Amino acid sequence: MNAEDVVGKLGPGSCYNPRMTLVEVTYELQDPLRPEQLRFLGQFANTYGLRRFRFDEYLNRLSFEYDASRLKETEVAHVLRMARIPVQRRV
Protein backbone atom coordinates (compact mmCIF):
# COMPACT_ATOMS: atom_id res chain seq x y z
CA MET A 1 0.00 0.00 0.00
CA ASN A 2 1.49 3.35 -1.00
CA ALA A 3 0.93 6.80 0.53
CA GLU A 4 -1.74 7.72 -2.03
CA ASP A 5 -3.74 4.60 -1.10
CA VAL A 6 -3.54 5.50 2.60
CA VAL A 7 -4.67 9.08 1.95
CA GLY A 8 -7.47 7.77 -0.26
CA LYS A 9 -8.70 5.49 2.53
CA LEU A 10 -8.54 8.27 5.11
CA GLY A 11 -10.26 10.77 2.85
CA PRO A 12 -9.53 14.37 1.91
CA GLY A 13 -8.72 16.78 4.69
CA SER A 14 -7.25 14.03 6.83
CA CYS A 15 -4.58 15.05 9.30
CA TYR A 16 -2.33 12.23 8.05
CA ASN A 17 0.78 13.57 6.36
CA PRO A 18 2.32 10.97 4.02
CA ARG A 19 5.58 12.96 4.02
CA MET A 20 6.05 12.62 7.78
CA THR A 21 9.56 11.60 8.83
CA LEU A 22 9.36 9.90 12.21
CA VAL A 23 12.46 10.03 14.37
CA GLU A 24 13.02 8.66 17.84
CA VAL A 25 15.77 10.00 20.06
CA THR A 26 16.63 8.55 23.48
CA TYR A 27 18.63 10.18 26.24
CA GLU A 28 20.17 8.61 29.32
CA LEU A 29 19.50 10.89 32.28
CA GLN A 30 21.83 11.74 35.13
CA ASP A 31 19.01 11.68 37.69
CA PRO A 32 15.43 10.36 37.82
CA LEU A 33 12.79 12.86 36.74
CA ARG A 34 11.16 14.96 39.43
CA PRO A 35 7.41 15.71 39.37
CA GLU A 36 7.92 19.30 38.15
CA GLN A 37 10.05 18.04 35.26
CA LEU A 38 7.34 15.58 34.27
CA ARG A 39 4.76 18.39 34.35
CA PHE A 40 6.96 20.49 32.07
CA LEU A 41 7.27 17.55 29.65
CA GLY A 42 3.49 17.15 29.77
CA GLN A 43 3.16 20.72 28.51
CA PHE A 44 5.74 20.00 25.81
CA ALA A 45 3.59 17.05 24.71
CA ASN A 46 1.27 19.60 23.06
CA THR A 47 4.06 20.74 20.72
CA TYR A 48 3.32 20.43 17.03
CA GLY A 49 5.34 17.55 15.61
CA LEU A 50 5.87 15.63 18.86
CA ARG A 51 4.07 12.30 18.70
CA ARG A 52 4.97 10.96 22.14
CA PHE A 53 7.58 10.71 24.83
CA ARG A 54 8.35 7.86 27.20
CA PHE A 55 10.25 7.76 30.44
CA ASP A 56 11.81 4.42 31.39
CA GLU A 57 12.29 4.62 35.15
CA TYR A 58 14.21 1.35 35.28
CA LEU A 59 16.88 2.43 32.76
CA ASN A 60 16.52 6.14 33.58
CA ARG A 61 16.00 6.99 29.90
CA LEU A 62 13.77 9.49 28.19
CA SER A 63 12.67 8.91 24.57
CA PHE A 64 10.93 11.26 22.17
CA GLU A 65 9.22 10.30 18.94
CA TYR A 66 8.66 13.24 16.63
CA ASP A 67 8.05 14.29 13.05
CA ALA A 68 11.43 15.59 11.85
CA SER A 69 9.72 17.65 9.14
CA ARG A 70 8.03 19.67 11.91
CA LEU A 71 10.39 19.49 14.88
CA LYS A 72 14.18 19.34 15.15
CA GLU A 73 16.32 17.48 17.67
CA THR A 74 17.81 20.82 18.75
CA GLU A 75 14.32 21.91 19.82
CA VAL A 76 13.92 18.72 21.86
CA ALA A 77 17.31 19.37 23.51
CA HIS A 78 16.25 22.96 24.21
CA VAL A 79 13.13 21.75 26.01
CA LEU A 80 15.24 19.42 28.16
CA ARG A 81 17.45 22.36 29.15
CA MET A 82 14.39 24.52 29.90
CA ALA A 83 13.01 21.76 32.13
CA ARG A 84 16.42 21.47 33.83
CA ILE A 85 16.66 17.80 32.93
CA PRO A 86 20.35 16.81 33.03
CA VAL A 87 21.18 14.48 30.15
CA GLN A 88 24.14 12.16 30.54
CA ARG A 89 24.29 11.14 26.87
CA ARG A 90 22.27 10.30 23.80
CA VAL A 91 21.81 6.56 23.29
C-alpha atoms as a PDB file:
ATOM      1  CA  MET A   1       0.000   0.000   0.000  1.00  0.00           C
ATOM      2  CA  ASN A   2       1.490   3.350  -0.995  1.00  0.00           C
ATOM      3  CA  ALA A   3       0.934   6.805   0.526  1.00  0.00           C
ATOM      4  CA  GLU A   4      -1.741   7.724  -2.030  1.00  0.00           C
ATOM      5  CA  ASP A   5      -3.741   4.599  -1.102  1.00  0.00           C
ATOM      6  CA  VAL A   6      -3.541   5.505   2.595  1.00  0.00           C
ATOM      7  CA  VAL A   7      -4.666   9.084   1.950  1.00  0.00           C
ATOM      8  CA  GLY A   8      -7.465   7.766  -0.263  1.00  0.00           C
ATOM      9  CA  LYS A   9      -8.705   5.487   2.528  1.00  0.00           C
ATOM     10  CA  LEU A  10      -8.539   8.268   5.112  1.00  0.00           C
ATOM     11  CA  GLY A  11     -10.264  10.774   2.855  1.00  0.00           C
ATOM     12  CA  PRO A  12      -9.531  14.367   1.905  1.00  0.00           C
ATOM     13  CA  GLY A  13      -8.719  16.780   4.694  1.00  0.00           C
ATOM     14  CA  SER A  14      -7.254  14.027   6.831  1.00  0.00           C
ATOM     15  CA  CYS A  15      -4.576  15.054   9.300  1.00  0.00           C
ATOM     16  CA  TYR A  16      -2.330  12.234   8.049  1.00  0.00           C
ATOM     17  CA  ASN A  17       0.784  13.572   6.357  1.00  0.00           C
ATOM     18  CA  PRO A  18       2.322  10.966   4.019  1.00  0.00           C
ATOM     19  CA  ARG A  19       5.578  12.965   4.015  1.00  0.00           C
ATOM     20  CA  MET A  20       6.050  12.623   7.777  1.00  0.00           C
ATOM     21  CA  THR A  21       9.558  11.599   8.835  1.00  0.00           C
ATOM     22  CA  LEU A  22       9.357   9.905  12.210  1.00  0.00           C
ATOM     23  CA  VAL A  23      12.465  10.035  14.367  1.00  0.00           C
ATOM     24  CA  GLU A  24      13.022   8.664  17.842  1.00  0.00           C
ATOM     25  CA  VAL A  25      15.766  10.000  20.059  1.00  0.00           C
ATOM     26  CA  THR A  26      16.633   8.550  23.480  1.00  0.00           C
ATOM     27  CA  TYR A  27      18.631  10.175  26.239  1.00  0.00           C
ATOM     28  CA  GLU A  28      20.169   8.614  29.316  1.00  0.00           C
ATOM     29  CA  LEU A  29      19.500  10.888  32.275  1.00  0.00           C
ATOM     30  CA  GLN A  30      21.832  11.738  35.132  1.00  0.00           C
ATOM     31  CA  ASP A  31      19.013  11.677  37.692  1.00  0.00           C
ATOM     32  CA  PRO A  32      15.434  10.358  37.825  1.00  0.00           C
ATOM     33  CA  LEU A  33      12.794  12.855  36.737  1.00  0.00           C
ATOM     34  CA  ARG A  34      11.162  14.960  39.426  1.00  0.00           C
ATOM     35  CA  PRO A  35       7.412  15.710  39.369  1.00  0.00           C
ATOM     36  CA  GLU A  36       7.916  19.301  38.152  1.00  0.00           C
ATOM     37  CA  GLN A  37      10.049  18.043  35.258  1.00  0.00           C
ATOM     38  CA  LEU A  38       7.337  15.576  34.269  1.00  0.00           C
ATOM     39  CA  ARG A  39       4.761  18.391  34.353  1.00  0.00           C
ATOM     40  CA  PHE A  40       6.958  20.485  32.070  1.00  0.00           C
ATOM     41  CA  LEU A  41       7.269  17.545  29.649  1.00  0.00           C
ATOM     42  CA  GLY A  42       3.490  17.145  29.766  1.00  0.00           C
ATOM     43  CA  GLN A  43       3.165  20.717  28.506  1.00  0.00           C
ATOM     44  CA  PHE A  44       5.745  20.000  25.808  1.00  0.00           C
ATOM     45  CA  ALA A  45       3.593  17.052  24.705  1.00  0.00           C
ATOM     46  CA  ASN A  46       1.266  19.605  23.063  1.00  0.00           C
ATOM     47  CA  THR A  47       4.063  20.741  20.724  1.00  0.00           C
ATOM     48  CA  TYR A  48       3.317  20.426  17.032  1.00  0.00           C
ATOM     49  CA  GLY A  49       5.345  17.550  15.611  1.00  0.00           C
ATOM     50  CA  LEU A  50       5.871  15.631  18.857  1.00  0.00           C
ATOM     51  CA  ARG A  51       4.074  12.298  18.705  1.00  0.00           C
ATOM     52  CA  ARG A  52       4.969  10.962  22.138  1.00  0.00           C
ATOM     53  CA  PHE A  53       7.575  10.710  24.834  1.00  0.00           C
ATOM     54  CA  ARG A  54       8.355   7.857  27.201  1.00  0.00           C
ATOM     55  CA  PHE A  55      10.251   7.757  30.445  1.00  0.00           C
ATOM     56  CA  ASP A  56      11.814   4.416  31.387  1.00  0.00           C
ATOM     57  CA  GLU A  57      12.285   4.618  35.145  1.00  0.00           C
ATOM     58  CA  TYR A  58      14.207   1.348  35.278  1.00  0.00           C
ATOM     59  CA  LEU A  59      16.875   2.427  32.756  1.00  0.00           C
ATOM     60  CA  ASN A  60      16.523   6.143  33.575  1.00  0.00           C
ATOM     61  CA  ARG A  61      16.005   6.994  29.904  1.00  0.00           C
ATOM     62  CA  LEU A  62      13.772   9.493  28.189  1.00  0.00           C
ATOM     63  CA  SER A  63      12.668   8.909  24.573  1.00  0.00           C
ATOM     64  CA  PHE A  64      10.930  11.261  22.171  1.00  0.00           C
ATOM     65  CA  GLU A  65       9.221  10.299  18.940  1.00  0.00           C
ATOM     66  CA  TYR A  66       8.656  13.243  16.630  1.00  0.00           C
ATOM     67  CA  ASP A  67       8.054  14.294  13.049  1.00  0.00           C
ATOM     68  CA  ALA A  68      11.432  15.588  11.850  1.00  0.00           C
ATOM     69  CA  SER A  69       9.724  17.650   9.138  1.00  0.00           C
ATOM     70  CA  ARG A  70       8.031  19.672  11.906  1.00  0.00           C
ATOM     71  CA  LEU A  71      10.390  19.488  14.879  1.00  0.00           C
ATOM     72  CA  LYS A  72      14.176  19.344  15.150  1.00  0.00           C
ATOM     73  CA  GLU A  73      16.320  17.484  17.672  1.00  0.00           C
ATOM     74  CA  THR A  74      17.812  20.818  18.754  1.00  0.00           C
ATOM     75  CA  GLU A  75      14.321  21.908  19.819  1.00  0.00           C
ATOM     76  CA  VAL A  76      13.916  18.721  21.860  1.00  0.00           C
ATOM     77  CA  ALA A  77      17.306  19.367  23.508  1.00  0.00           C
ATOM     78  CA  HIS A  78      16.246  22.961  24.214  1.00  0.00           C
ATOM     79  CA  VAL A  79      13.128  21.752  26.013  1.00  0.00           C
ATOM     80  CA  LEU A  80      15.243  19.417  28.160  1.00  0.00           C
ATOM     81  CA  ARG A  81      17.453  22.358  29.146  1.00  0.00           C
ATOM     82  CA  MET A  82      14.385  24.521  29.903  1.00  0.00           C
ATOM     83  CA  ALA A  83      13.007  21.756  32.135  1.00  0.00           C
ATOM     84  CA  ARG A  84      16.424  21.472  33.827  1.00  0.00           C
ATOM     85  CA  ILE A  85      16.661  17.804  32.928  1.00  0.00           C
ATOM     86  CA  PRO A  86      20.349  16.809  33.032  1.00  0.00           C
ATOM     87  CA  VAL A  87      21.177  14.477  30.148  1.00  0.00           C
ATOM     88  CA  GLN A  88      24.139  12.164  30.539  1.00  0.00           C
ATOM     89  CA  ARG A  89      24.287  11.144  26.872  1.00  0.00           C
ATOM     90  CA  ARG A  90      22.267  10.302  23.801  1.00  0.00           C
ATOM     91  CA  VAL A  91      21.811   6.561  23.292  1.00  0.00           C
END
